[in-house]
Amino acid sequence: MLLIDNTSTNSYFNLAMEEYLLNNFTQDVCMLWQNDNTVVVGKNQNALAEIDYDYVKANDIKVVRRLTGGGAVFHDMGNLNYTFITNNTEDNFSNFKTFSTPVIDMLDGLGIHAYLTGRNDLVIDGRKFSGNAQCVHKNRLLHHGTLLFCSDIKDISASLKVDPEKIADKGIKSVASRVTNISEHLQRKMSVAEFKKLFMEYMLKREDVTYYNLTPDDIAKVQKLSDEKYSTWEWNFGYSPKYAFHKKKRFSAGSIEVSIDVKDGIMQDVKFYGDFFARRDVSEIEQLLKSQKHNFDVMNEVLNTVNLNDYFLNISKQELLSVLI
């Protein structure tokens, strides 16, 4: 098994790294890595339905889609991620115990009793500190998991808090869990960097494990995949299943309610309602937005082309945008 210490904290690059290793390496792989302030959504989820968009945007939190299913998770620098890639067998797929055992055994050596529960969660005293997911590509299996070490629980909660009535779709929904940090259960204090080092040392003691340094060619190919796929709106938001978006807000100049039908990230139909005043027919704005991406920056550019005061009297562009996403 090749052991990789991925020191990048760029979530687009790191998710691209997983795909690169899955598609190009034939040996078993274990990789440890961290993302800085990111919501990672499952492959089959609607990204907008899983996040508090206003909070995510205001706090410069990235949103990226992964290859595996399951629910959305928040990553920060207090969280350590691990990835195992191996040949796919009947015994491996959905066998979360096999890949969780190294984590459980290492924590046991630190005096922490952790165990696998439910479908794919690792817990301490009944509280979740690790979620796991898998996917298969050809004859290779990717298994990865999170390890909450000293994450900001407030950011986890705020980033993933969303109005359940805002979006109606058939995407896979996340399930809220009581969570805990590993650091709360340690007998002695240590940093996440120390914890990662211990994990690396534990893995290197196992049979047939050798350290692998990423080559300049590896890094260049991962960066290309990151640029062309994982950092794009098309993958992270446009890939979402068809959904109906609905939102209503009241401002000093009146209320605005919007209903948007979205397919492949593109607005198919847009309708405004409310008690706002207008000099011109709001259907003109609806037509301008139709066939555009359901994306903040794109909608901002569209609204820049008109005098919004003609359609929404005394309502600012920023107020209108806050209703549209």
C-alpha atoms as a PDB file:
ATOM      1  CA  MET A   1       0.000   0.000   0.000  1.00  0.00           C
ATOM      2  CA  LEU A   2       1.204   3.492  -0.869  1.00  0.00           C
ATOM      3  CA  LEU A   3       0.838   6.093   1.894  1.00  0.00           C
ATOM      4  CA  ILE A   4       0.388   9.680   0.675  1.00  0.00           C
ATOM      5  CA  ASP A   5       0.587  12.800   2.812  1.00  0.00           C
ATOM      6  CA  ASN A   6      -1.332  15.309   0.704  1.00  0.00           C
ATOM      7  CA  THR A   7      -0.428  18.717   2.172  1.00  0.00           C
ATOM      8  CA  SER A   8      -2.775  20.749  -0.059  1.00  0.00           C
ATOM      9  CA  THR A   9      -5.718  22.386   1.721  1.00  0.00           C
ATOM     10  CA  ASN A  10      -7.480  23.395  -1.521  1.00  0.00           C
ATOM     11  CA  SER A  11     -10.697  21.380  -1.673  1.00  0.00           C
ATOM     12  CA  TYR A  12     -10.974  21.473  -5.475  1.00  0.00           C
ATOM     13  CA  PHE A  13      -7.450  20.089  -5.821  1.00  0.00           C
ATOM     14  CA  ASN A  14      -7.964  17.472  -3.111  1.00  0.00           C
ATOM     15  CA  LEU A  15     -11.166  16.042  -4.565  1.00  0.00           C
ATOM     16  CA  ALA A  16      -9.466  15.983  -7.969  1.00  0.00           C
ATOM     17  CA  MET A  17      -6.574  14.107  -6.344  1.00  0.00           C
ATOM     18  CA  GLU A  18      -8.942  11.355  -5.232  1.00  0.00           C
ATOM     19  CA  GLU A  19     -10.283  10.893  -8.755  1.00  0.00           C
ATOM     20  CA  TYR A  20      -6.764  10.942 -10.227  1.00  0.00           C
ATOM     21  CA  LEU A  21      -5.547   8.249  -7.830  1.00  0.00           C
ATOM     22  CA  LEU A  22      -8.674   6.152  -8.382  1.00  0.00           C
ATOM     23  CA  ASN A  23      -8.301   6.226 -12.169  1.00  0.00           C
ATOM     24  CA  ASN A  24      -4.516   5.988 -12.528  1.00  0.00           C
ATOM     25  CA  PHE A  25      -2.990   3.956  -9.678  1.00  0.00           C
ATOM     26  CA  THR A  26      -3.091   0.157  -9.605  1.00  0.00           C
ATOM     27  CA  GLN A  27      -1.568  -0.261  -6.136  1.00  0.00           C
ATOM     28  CA  ASP A  28      -3.530   0.123  -2.927  1.00  0.00           C
ATOM     29  CA  VAL A  29      -3.435   3.704  -1.647  1.00  0.00           C
ATOM     30  CA  CYS A  30      -4.019   5.462   1.674  1.00  0.00           C
ATOM     31  CA  MET A  31      -4.056   9.271   1.606  1.00  0.00           C
ATOM     32  CA  LEU A  32      -4.417  11.754   4.468  1.00  0.00           C
ATOM     33  CA  TRP A  33      -5.531  15.290   3.653  1.00  0.00           C
ATOM     34  CA  GLN A  34      -7.335  18.414   4.869  1.00  0.00           C
ATOM     35  CA  ASN A  35      -9.673  20.968   3.305  1.00  0.00           C
ATOM     36  CA  ASP A  36      -9.878  24.561   4.432  1.00  0.00           C
ATOM     37  CA  ASN A  37     -13.475  25.750   5.042  1.00  0.00           C
ATOM     38  CA  THR A  38     -15.485  23.710   2.554  1.00  0.00           C
ATOM     39  CA  VAL A  39     -18.879  22.085   2.281  1.00  0.00           C
ATOM     40  CA  VAL A  40     -18.484  18.782   0.432  1.00  0.00           C
ATOM     41  CA  VAL A  41     -21.755  17.513  -1.025  1.00  0.00           C
ATOM     42  CA  GLY A  42     -22.524  13.951  -2.063  1.00  0.00           C
ATOM     43  CA  LYS A  43     -22.547  13.103  -5.756  1.00  0.00           C
ATOM     44  CA  ASN A  44     -26.334  12.716  -5.886  1.00  0.00           C
ATOM     45  CA  GLN A  45     -27.233  15.786  -3.823  1.00  0.00           C
ATOM     46  CA  ASN A  46     -28.609  19.178  -4.771  1.00  0.00           C
ATOM     47  CA  ALA A  47     -25.878  21.543  -3.563  1.00  0.00           C
ATOM     48  CA  LEU A  48     -28.218  24.494  -2.963  1.00  0.00           C
ATOM     49  CA  ALA A  49     -30.586  22.305  -0.953  1.00  0.00           C
ATOM     50  CA  GLU A  50     -27.781  21.362   1.447  1.00  0.00           C
ATOM     51  CA  ILE A  51     -26.211  24.731   2.292  1.00  0.00           C
ATOM     52  CA  ASP A  52     -27.090  28.059   3.808  1.00  0.00           C
ATOM     53  CA  TYR A  53     -25.972  29.981   0.721  1.00  0.00           C
ATOM     54  CA  ASP A  54     -25.856  33.375   2.438  1.00  0.00           C
ATOM     55  CA  TYR A  55     -23.659  32.039   5.263  1.00  0.00           C
ATOM     56  CA  VAL A  56     -21.394  30.113   2.899  1.00  0.00           C
ATOM     57  CA  LYS A  57     -20.897  33.129   0.629  1.00  0.00           C
ATOM     58  CA  ALA A  58     -20.360  35.590   3.493  1.00  0.00           C
ATOM     59  CA  ASN A  59     -17.742  33.343   5.112  1.00  0.00           C
ATOM     60  CA  ASP A  60     -15.905  32.439   1.891  1.00  0.00           C
ATOM     61  CA  ILE A  61     -16.686  28.737   2.270  1.00  0.00           C
ATOM     62  CA  LYS A  62     -16.124  26.630  -0.861  1.00  0.00           C
ATOM     63  CA  VAL A  63     -18.730  24.156  -2.087  1.00  0.00           C
ATOM     64  CA  VAL A  64     -17.475  21.094  -3.952  1.00  0.00           C
ATOM     65  CA  ARG A  65     -19.090  17.869  -5.143  1.00  0.00           C
ATOM     66  CA  ARG A  66     -17.374  14.547  -4.478  1.00  0.00           C
ATOM     67  CA  LEU A  67     -17.487  11.256  -6.376  1.00  0.00           C
ATOM     68  CA  THR A  68     -19.194   9.298  -3.596  1.00  0.00           C
ATOM     69  CA  GLY A  69     -22.801   9.312  -2.420  1.00  0.00           C
ATOM     70  CA  GLY A  70     -24.109  10.138   1.029  1.00  0.00           C
ATOM     71  CA  GLY A  71     -24.738  13.470   2.727  1.00  0.00           C
ATOM     72  CA  ALA A  72     -23.075  16.866   2.863  1.00  0.00           C
ATOM     73  CA  VAL A  73     -20.241  17.487   5.334  1.00  0.00           C
ATOM     74  CA  PHE A  74     -18.312  20.556   6.468  1.00  0.00           C
ATOM     75  CA  HIS A  75     -14.513  20.491   6.396  1.00  0.00           C
ATOM     76  CA  ASP A  76     -12.195  22.926   8.137  1.00  0.00           C
ATOM     77  CA  MET A  77      -8.598  22.736   9.291  1.00  0.00           C
ATOM     78  CA  GLY A  78      -9.727  20.988  12.470  1.00  0.00           C
ATOM     79  CA  ASN A  79     -10.877  18.043  10.375  1.00  0.00           C
ATOM     80  CA  LEU A  80      -8.634  15.295   8.947  1.00  0.00           C
ATOM     81  CA  ASN A  81      -9.742  13.221   5.964  1.00  0.00           C
ATOM     82  CA  TYR A  82      -8.559   9.779   4.971  1.00  0.00           C
ATOM     83  CA  THR A  83      -8.930   7.950   1.653  1.00  0.00           C
ATOM     84  CA  PHE A  84      -8.367   4.276   0.872  1.00  0.00           C
ATOM     85  CA  ILE A  85      -8.272   3.063  -2.727  1.00  0.00           C
ATOM     86  CA  THR A  86      -8.071  -0.649  -3.493  1.00  0.00           C
ATOM     87  CA  ASN A  87      -9.325  -3.302  -5.891  1.00  0.00           C
ATOM     88  CA  ASN A  88     -13.063  -3.773  -5.748  1.00  0.00           C
ATOM     89  CA  THR A  89     -14.323  -7.106  -4.447  1.00  0.00           C
ATOM     90  CA  GLU A  90     -17.655  -8.344  -3.122  1.00  0.00           C
ATOM     91  CA  ASP A  91     -16.141  -8.195   0.374  1.00  0.00           C
ATOM     92  CA  ASN A  92     -15.013  -4.562   0.039  1.00  0.00           C
ATOM     93  CA  PHE A  93     -18.024  -2.653  -1.273  1.00  0.00           C
ATOM     94  CA  SER A  94     -20.292  -1.454   1.533  1.00  0.00           C
ATOM     95  CA  ASN A  95     -17.964  -3.142   4.021  1.00  0.00           C
ATOM     96  CA  PHE A  96     -17.243  -0.020   6.038  1.00  0.00           C
ATOM     97  CA  LYS A  97     -15.786  -2.054   8.897  1.00  0.00           C
ATOM     98  CA  THR A  98     -12.703  -3.067   6.874  1.00  0.00           C
ATOM     99  CA  PHE A  99     -11.708   0.534   6.193  1.00  0.00           C
ATOM    100  CA  SER A 100     -12.737   1.868   9.600  1.00  0.00           C
ATOM    101  CA  THR A 101     -10.658  -0.638  11.557  1.00  0.00           C
ATOM    102  CA  PRO A 102      -7.338   1.277  11.210  1.00  0.00           C
ATOM    103  CA  VAL A 103      -9.013   4.405  12.606  1.00  0.00           C
ATOM    104  CA  ILE A 104     -10.646   2.528  15.470  1.00  0.00           C
ATOM    105  CA  ASP A 105      -7.420   0.702  16.344  1.00  0.00           C
ATOM    106  CA  MET A 106      -5.328   3.875  16.275  1.00  0.00           C
ATOM    107  CA  LEU A 107      -7.792   5.699  18.532  1.00  0.00           C
ATOM    108  CA  ASP A 108      -7.830   2.706  20.874  1.00  0.00           C
ATOM    109  CA  GLY A 109      -4.074   3.199  21.253  1.00  0.00           C
ATOM    110  CA  LEU A 110      -4.823   6.748  22.383  1.00  0.00           C
ATOM    111  CA  GLY A 111      -7.278   5.524  25.012  1.00  0.00           C
ATOM    112  CA  ILE A 112     -10.427   6.339  23.017  1.00  0.00           C
ATOM    113  CA  HIS A 113     -13.135   3.724  22.495  1.00  0.00           C
ATOM    114  CA  ALA A 114     -14.645   4.352  19.048  1.00  0.00           C
ATOM    115  CA  TYR A 115     -16.964   2.090  17.111  1.00  0.00           C
ATOM    116  CA  LEU A 116     -18.857   1.804  13.834  1.00  0.00           C
ATOM    117  CA  THR A 117     -22.608   2.302  14.030  1.00  0.00           C
ATOM    118  CA  GLY A 118     -25.503   2.504  11.599  1.00  0.00           C
ATOM    119  CA  ARG A 119     -24.593   2.446   7.938  1.00  0.00           C
ATOM    120  CA  ASN A 120     -21.375   4.420   7.813  1.00  0.00           C
ATOM    121  CA  ASP A 121     -20.695   6.449  10.981  1.00  0.00           C
ATOM    122  CA  LEU A 122     -17.931   6.226  13.558  1.00  0.00           C
ATOM    123  CA  VAL A 123     -18.920   7.394  17.028  1.00  0.00           C
ATOM    124  CA  ILE A 124     -17.527   8.051  20.491  1.00  0.00           C
ATOM    125  CA  ASP A 125     -20.014   7.823  23.373  1.00  0.00           C
ATOM    126  CA  GLY A 126     -22.835   7.791  20.829  1.00  0.00           C
ATOM    127  CA  ARG A 127     -21.714  11.000  19.091  1.00  0.00           C
ATOM    128  CA  LYS A 128     -20.489  11.013  15.490  1.00  0.00           C
ATOM    129  CA  PHE A 129     -16.948  12.060  14.655  1.00  0.00           C
ATOM    130  CA  SER A 130     -16.576  10.376  11.276  1.00  0.00           C
ATOM    131  CA  GLY A 131     -18.792   9.821   8.253  1.00  0.00           C
ATOM    132  CA  ASN A 132     -17.743   7.444   5.471  1.00  0.00           C
ATOM    133  CA  ALA A 133     -18.678   6.914   1.843  1.00  0.00           C
ATOM    134  CA  GLN A 134     -17.639   4.783  -1.128  1.00  0.00           C
ATOM    135  CA  CYS A 135     -17.721   4.623  -4.903  1.00  0.00           C
ATOM    136  CA  VAL A 136     -16.517   2.188  -7.559  1.00  0.00           C
ATOM    137  CA  HIS A 137     -14.791   2.929 -10.869  1.00  0.00           C
ATOM    138  CA  LYS A 138     -14.214  -0.098 -13.103  1.00  0.00           C
ATOM    139  CA  ASN A 139     -12.426  -2.578 -10.819  1.00  0.00           C
ATOM    140  CA  ARG A 140     -11.277  -0.004  -8.247  1.00  0.00           C
ATOM    141  CA  LEU A 141     -12.988   1.094  -5.034  1.00  0.00           C
ATOM    142  CA  LEU A 142     -12.578   4.429  -3.254  1.00  0.00           C
ATOM    143  CA  HIS A 143     -13.470   4.668   0.433  1.00  0.00           C
ATOM    144  CA  HIS A 144     -13.071   7.921   2.330  1.00  0.00           C
ATOM    145  CA  GLY A 145     -14.036   9.378   5.651  1.00  0.00           C
ATOM    146  CA  THR A 146     -13.848  12.466   7.826  1.00  0.00           C
ATOM    147  CA  LEU A 147     -12.238  12.678  11.248  1.00  0.00           C
ATOM    148  CA  LEU A 148     -13.504  15.610  13.296  1.00  0.00           C
ATOM    149  CA  PHE A 149     -10.533  16.436  15.493  1.00  0.00           C
ATOM    150  CA  CYS A 150     -11.055  20.048  16.608  1.00  0.00           C
ATOM    151  CA  SER A 151     -13.526  21.382  14.048  1.00  0.00           C
ATOM    152  CA  ASP A 152     -15.682  24.442  14.631  1.00  0.00           C
ATOM    153  CA  ILE A 153     -19.058  22.854  15.392  1.00  0.00           C
ATOM    154  CA  LYS A 154     -20.758  26.242  14.944  1.00  0.00           C
ATOM    155  CA  ASP A 155     -19.602  26.464  11.321  1.00  0.00           C
ATOM    156  CA  ILE A 156     -20.699  22.887  10.684  1.00  0.00           C
ATOM    157  CA  SER A 157     -24.188  23.704  11.878  1.00  0.00           C
ATOM    158  CA  ALA A 158     -24.466  27.114  10.208  1.00  0.00           C
ATOM    159  CA  SER A 159     -23.095  26.028   6.810  1.00  0.00           C
ATOM    160  CA  LEU A 160     -25.487  23.108   6.473  1.00  0.00           C
ATOM    161  CA  LYS A 161     -28.549  24.842   7.883  1.00  0.00           C
ATOM    162  CA  VAL A 162     -31.136  25.353   5.149  1.00  0.00           C
ATOM    163  CA  ASP A 163     -34.860  26.088   4.919  1.00  0.00           C
ATOM    164  CA  PRO A 164     -36.492  22.702   4.126  1.00  0.00           C
ATOM    165  CA  GLU A 165     -39.288  24.469   2.221  1.00  0.00           C
ATOM    166  CA  LYS A 166     -36.925  26.403  -0.051  1.00  0.00           C
ATOM    167  CA  ILE A 167     -36.136  23.612  -2.515  1.00  0.00           C
ATOM    168  CA  ALA A 168     -38.262  20.651  -3.571  1.00  0.00           C
ATOM    169  CA  ASP A 169     -36.302  17.948  -5.353  1.00  0.00           C
ATOM    170  CA  LYS A 170     -35.483  14.254  -5.421  1.00  0.00           C
ATOM    171  CA  GLY A 171     -31.836  14.593  -4.420  1.00  0.00           C
ATOM    172  CA  ILE A 172     -30.436  12.601  -1.508  1.00  0.00           C
ATOM    173  CA  LYS A 173     -30.875  14.585   1.720  1.00  0.00           C
ATOM    174  CA  SER A 174     -28.364  14.839   4.545  1.00  0.00           C
ATOM    175  CA  VAL A 175     -29.281  13.558   7.987  1.00  0.00           C
ATOM    176  CA  ALA A 176     -28.375  15.653  11.026  1.00  0.00           C
ATOM    177  CA  SER A 177     -26.346  13.915  13.740  1.00  0.00           C
ATOM    178  CA  ARG A 178     -24.974  14.758  17.156  1.00  0.00           C
ATOM    179  CA  VAL A 179     -21.273  15.293  16.606  1.00  0.00           C
ATOM    180  CA  THR A 180     -18.121  15.439  18.705  1.00  0.00           C
ATOM    181  CA  ASN A 181     -14.446  16.229  18.237  1.00  0.00           C
ATOM    182  CA  ILE A 182     -11.791  13.589  18.900  1.00  0.00           C
ATOM    183  CA  SER A 183      -9.742  16.157  20.846  1.00  0.00           C
ATOM    184  CA  GLU A 184     -12.451  16.287  23.531  1.00  0.00           C
ATOM    185  CA  HIS A 185     -11.733  12.660  24.427  1.00  0.00           C
ATOM    186  CA  LEU A 186      -7.922  12.604  24.439  1.00  0.00           C
ATOM    187  CA  GLN A 187      -6.018  11.998  27.655  1.00  0.00           C
ATOM    188  CA  ARG A 188      -3.421  14.568  26.607  1.00  0.00           C
ATOM    189  CA  LYS A 189      -3.698  17.635  24.410  1.00  0.00           C
ATOM    190  CA  MET A 190      -2.340  17.551  20.880  1.00  0.00           C
ATOM    191  CA  SER A 191      -2.759  19.492  17.645  1.00  0.00           C
ATOM    192  CA  VAL A 192      -4.407  18.168  14.503  1.00  0.00           C
ATOM    193  CA  ALA A 193      -0.918  18.155  12.917  1.00  0.00           C
ATOM    194  CA  GLU A 194       0.335  15.863  15.689  1.00  0.00           C
ATOM    195  CA  PHE A 195      -2.707  13.653  15.261  1.00  0.00           C
ATOM    196  CA  LYS A 196      -2.084  13.390  11.515  1.00  0.00           C
ATOM    197  CA  LYS A 197       1.576  12.489  12.185  1.00  0.00           C
ATOM    198  CA  LEU A 198       0.497   9.727  14.581  1.00  0.00           C
ATOM    199  CA  PHE A 199      -1.906   8.378  11.956  1.00  0.00           C
ATOM    200  CA  MET A 200       0.906   8.357   9.368  1.00  0.00           C
ATOM    201  CA  GLU A 201       3.246   6.567  11.770  1.00  0.00           C
ATOM    202  CA  TYR A 202       0.542   4.033  12.640  1.00  0.00           C
ATOM    203  CA  MET A 203      -0.049   3.230   8.954  1.00  0.00           C
ATOM    204  CA  LEU A 204       3.677   2.912   8.199  1.00  0.00           C
ATOM    205  CA  LYS A 205       3.962   0.224  10.897  1.00  0.00           C
ATOM    206  CA  ARG A 206       1.492  -1.944   9.013  1.00  0.00           C
ATOM    207  CA  GLU A 207       2.713  -4.636   6.660  1.00  0.00           C
ATOM    208  CA  ASP A 208       3.519  -3.653   3.056  1.00  0.00           C
ATOM    209  CA  VAL A 209       2.971   0.085   3.538  1.00  0.00           C
ATOM    210  CA  THR A 210       5.466   2.476   1.931  1.00  0.00           C
ATOM    211  CA  TYR A 211       5.530   6.256   1.696  1.00  0.00           C
ATOM    212  CA  TYR A 212       4.836   7.780  -1.730  1.00  0.00           C
ATOM    213  CA  ASN A 213       5.882  11.289  -2.774  1.00  0.00           C
ATOM    214  CA  LEU A 214       3.627  12.887  -5.373  1.00  0.00           C
ATOM    215  CA  THR A 215       5.626  13.692  -8.498  1.00  0.00           C
ATOM    216  CA  PRO A 216       5.486  16.987 -10.433  1.00  0.00           C
ATOM    217  CA  ASP A 217       3.635  15.076 -13.162  1.00  0.00           C
ATOM    218  CA  ASP A 218       1.058  13.810 -10.625  1.00  0.00           C
ATOM    219  CA  ILE A 219       0.492  17.332  -9.332  1.00  0.00           C
ATOM    220  CA  ALA A 220       0.187  18.846 -12.821  1.00  0.00           C
ATOM    221  CA  LYS A 221      -2.424  16.274 -13.869  1.00  0.00           C
ATOM    222  CA  VAL A 222      -4.405  16.743 -10.657  1.00  0.00           C
ATOM    223  CA  GLN A 223      -4.335  20.526 -11.100  1.00  0.00           C
ATOM    224  CA  LYS A 224      -5.660  20.151 -14.650  1.00  0.00           C
ATOM    225  CA  LEU A 225      -8.544  17.990 -13.399  1.00  0.00           C
ATOM    226  CA  SER A 226      -9.198  20.488 -10.605  1.00  0.00           C
ATOM    227  CA  ASP A 227      -9.344  23.399 -13.065  1.00  0.00           C
ATOM    228  CA  GLU A 228     -11.476  21.616 -15.639  1.00  0.00           C
ATOM    229  CA  LYS A 229     -13.922  19.862 -13.310  1.00  0.00           C
ATOM    230  CA  TYR A 230     -13.801  20.290  -9.549  1.00  0.00           C
ATOM    231  CA  SER A 231     -13.605  24.085  -9.442  1.00  0.00           C
ATOM    232  CA  THR A 232     -16.416  24.568 -11.987  1.00  0.00           C
ATOM    233  CA  TRP A 233     -19.982  25.637 -11.361  1.00  0.00           C
ATOM    234  CA  GLU A 234     -21.131  22.929 -13.798  1.00  0.00           C
ATOM    235  CA  TRP A 235     -19.817  20.134 -11.544  1.00  0.00           C
ATOM    236  CA  ASN A 236     -20.525  21.604  -8.133  1.00  0.00           C
ATOM    237  CA  PHE A 237     -23.969  23.126  -8.783  1.00  0.00           C
ATOM    238  CA  GLY A 238     -25.074  22.370 -12.341  1.00  0.00           C
ATOM    239  CA  TYR A 239     -24.787  18.617 -11.750  1.00  0.00           C
ATOM    240  CA  SER A 240     -27.618  18.847  -9.199  1.00  0.00           C
ATOM    241  CA  PRO A 241     -30.875  16.987  -9.945  1.00  0.00           C
ATOM    242  CA  LYS A 242     -33.915  18.847 -11.278  1.00  0.00           C
ATOM    243  CA  TYR A 243     -35.495  20.989  -8.566  1.00  0.00           C
ATOM    244  CA  ALA A 244     -38.104  23.629  -7.827  1.00  0.00           C
ATOM    245  CA  PHE A 245     -36.790  26.657  -5.929  1.00  0.00           C
ATOM    246  CA  HIS A 246     -39.123  28.827  -3.871  1.00  0.00           C
ATOM    247  CA  LYS A 247     -38.320  31.758  -1.600  1.00  0.00           C
ATOM    248  CA  LYS A 248     -40.106  34.748  -0.110  1.00  0.00           C
ATOM    249  CA  LYS A 249     -38.778  37.851   1.635  1.00  0.00           C
ATOM    250  CA  ARG A 250     -40.291  41.073   2.915  1.00  0.00           C
ATOM    251  CA  PHE A 251     -38.515  44.401   2.509  1.00  0.00           C
ATOM    252  CA  SER A 252     -39.489  47.932   3.510  1.00  0.00           C
ATOM    253  CA  ALA A 253     -40.691  48.541  -0.070  1.00  0.00           C
ATOM    254  CA  GLY A 254     -42.779  45.367  -0.261  1.00  0.00           C
ATOM    255  CA  SER A 255     -42.573  41.592  -0.375  1.00  0.00           C
ATOM    256  CA  ILE A 256     -41.135  39.478  -3.181  1.00  0.00           C
ATOM    257  CA  GLU A 257     -41.815  35.804  -3.742  1.00  0.00           C
ATOM    258  CA  VAL A 258     -40.098  33.798  -6.481  1.00  0.00           C
ATOM    259  CA  SER A 259     -40.625  30.315  -7.924  1.00  0.00           C
ATOM    260  CA  ILE A 260     -37.938  28.864 -10.197  1.00  0.00           C
ATOM    261  CA  ASP A 261     -37.870  25.527 -12.014  1.00  0.00           C
ATOM    262  CA  VAL A 262     -34.279  24.383 -12.513  1.00  0.00           C
ATOM    263  CA  LYS A 263     -32.880  21.546 -14.623  1.00  0.00           C
ATOM    264  CA  ASP A 264     -29.156  20.804 -14.975  1.00  0.00           C
ATOM    265  CA  GLY A 265     -28.526  24.069 -13.111  1.00  0.00           C
ATOM    266  CA  ILE A 266     -30.390  26.123 -15.756  1.00  0.00           C
ATOM    267  CA  MET A 267     -33.508  28.125 -14.919  1.00  0.00           C
ATOM    268  CA  GLN A 268     -36.343  26.757 -17.066  1.00  0.00           C
ATOM    269  CA  ASP A 269     -39.064  29.016 -15.689  1.00  0.00           C
ATOM    270  CA  VAL A 270     -39.081  32.040 -13.351  1.00  0.00           C
ATOM    271  CA  LYS A 271     -42.116  33.649 -11.735  1.00  0.00           C
ATOM    272  CA  PHE A 272     -42.253  36.657  -9.389  1.00  0.00           C
ATOM    273  CA  TYR A 273     -45.106  37.430  -7.006  1.00  0.00           C
ATOM    274  CA  GLY A 274     -45.566  39.994  -4.255  1.00  0.00           C
ATOM    275  CA  ASP A 275     -47.001  43.357  -3.230  1.00  0.00           C
ATOM    276  CA  PHE A 276     -44.090  45.379  -4.651  1.00  0.00           C
ATOM    277  CA  PHE A 277     -44.735  48.307  -7.032  1.00  0.00           C
ATOM    278  CA  ALA A 278     -43.495  48.387 -10.626  1.00  0.00           C
ATOM    279  CA  ARG A 279     -43.540  50.775 -13.594  1.00  0.00           C
ATOM    280  CA  ARG A 280     -42.935  47.984 -16.091  1.00  0.00           C
ATOM    281  CA  ASP A 281     -44.126  44.384 -16.402  1.00  0.00           C
ATOM    282  CA  VAL A 282     -41.974  42.074 -14.250  1.00  0.00           C
ATOM    283  CA  SER A 283     -42.371  39.356 -16.890  1.00  0.00           C
ATOM    284  CA  GLU A 284     -39.560  41.117 -18.778  1.00  0.00           C
ATOM    285  CA  ILE A 285     -37.171  40.256 -15.930  1.00  0.00           C
ATOM    286  CA  GLU A 286     -38.536  36.721 -15.829  1.00  0.00           C
ATOM    287  CA  GLN A 287     -37.684  36.272 -19.513  1.00  0.00           C
ATOM    288  CA  LEU A 288     -34.182  37.691 -19.036  1.00  0.00           C
ATOM    289  CA  LEU A 289     -33.452  35.196 -16.259  1.00  0.00           C
ATOM    290  CA  LYS A 290     -34.981  32.232 -18.069  1.00  0.00           C
ATOM    291  CA  SER A 291     -32.370  29.899 -19.651  1.00  0.00           C
ATOM    292  CA  GLN A 292     -29.615  31.374 -17.452  1.00  0.00           C
ATOM    293  CA  LYS A 293     -27.636  29.492 -14.789  1.00  0.00           C
ATOM    294  CA  HIS A 294     -29.144  29.512 -11.306  1.00  0.00           C
ATOM    295  CA  ASN A 295     -25.952  31.138 -10.129  1.00  0.00           C
ATOM    296  CA  PHE A 296     -25.397  34.296  -8.080  1.00  0.00           C
ATOM    297  CA  ASP A 297     -22.784  35.859 -10.369  1.00  0.00           C
ATOM    298  CA  VAL A 298     -24.709  35.106 -13.554  1.00  0.00           C
ATOM    299  CA  MET A 299     -27.952  36.537 -12.183  1.00  0.00           C
ATOM    300  CA  ASN A 300     -26.071  39.576 -10.916  1.00  0.00           C
ATOM    301  CA  GLU A 301     -24.758  40.234 -14.437  1.00  0.00           C
ATOM    302  CA  VAL A 302     -28.228  39.864 -15.946  1.00  0.00           C
ATOM    303  CA  LEU A 303     -29.757  42.305 -13.462  1.00  0.00           C
ATOM    304  CA  ASN A 304     -26.992  44.809 -14.209  1.00  0.00           C
ATOM    305  CA  THR A 305     -28.405  45.199 -17.728  1.00  0.00           C
ATOM    306  CA  VAL A 306     -31.705  46.762 -16.614  1.00  0.00           C
ATOM    307  CA  ASN A 307     -33.031  49.526 -14.400  1.00  0.00           C
ATOM    308  CA  LEU A 308     -34.405  47.390 -11.586  1.00  0.00           C
ATOM    309  CA  ASN A 309     -36.286  50.307 -10.086  1.00  0.00           C
ATOM    310  CA  ASP A 310     -38.674  50.085 -13.042  1.00  0.00           C
ATOM    311  CA  TYR A 311     -39.643  46.562 -11.999  1.00  0.00           C
ATOM    312  CA  PHE A 312     -39.136  46.515  -8.223  1.00  0.00           C
ATOM    313  CA  LEU A 313     -39.625  50.055  -6.945  1.00  0.00           C
ATOM    314  CA  ASN A 314     -37.192  50.980  -4.138  1.00  0.00           C
ATOM    315  CA  ILE A 315     -35.897  47.394  -3.860  1.00  0.00           C
ATOM    316  CA  SER A 316     -32.146  47.093  -4.372  1.00  0.00           C
ATOM    317  CA  LYS A 317     -30.368  44.579  -6.563  1.00  0.00           C
ATOM    318  CA  GLN A 318     -28.769  42.952  -3.504  1.00  0.00           C
ATOM    319  CA  GLU A 319     -32.177  42.536  -1.895  1.00  0.00           C
ATOM    320  CA  LEU A 320     -33.559  40.955  -5.077  1.00  0.00           C
ATOM    321  CA  LEU A 321     -30.565  38.621  -5.368  1.00  0.00           C
ATOM    322  CA  SER A 322     -31.103  37.479  -1.787  1.00  0.00           C
ATOM    323  CA  VAL A 323     -34.490  36.139  -2.896  1.00  0.00           C
ATOM    324  CA  LEU A 324     -33.166  34.424  -6.019  1.00  0.00           C
ATOM    325  CA  ILE A 325     -30.714  32.063  -4.325  1.00  0.00           C
END
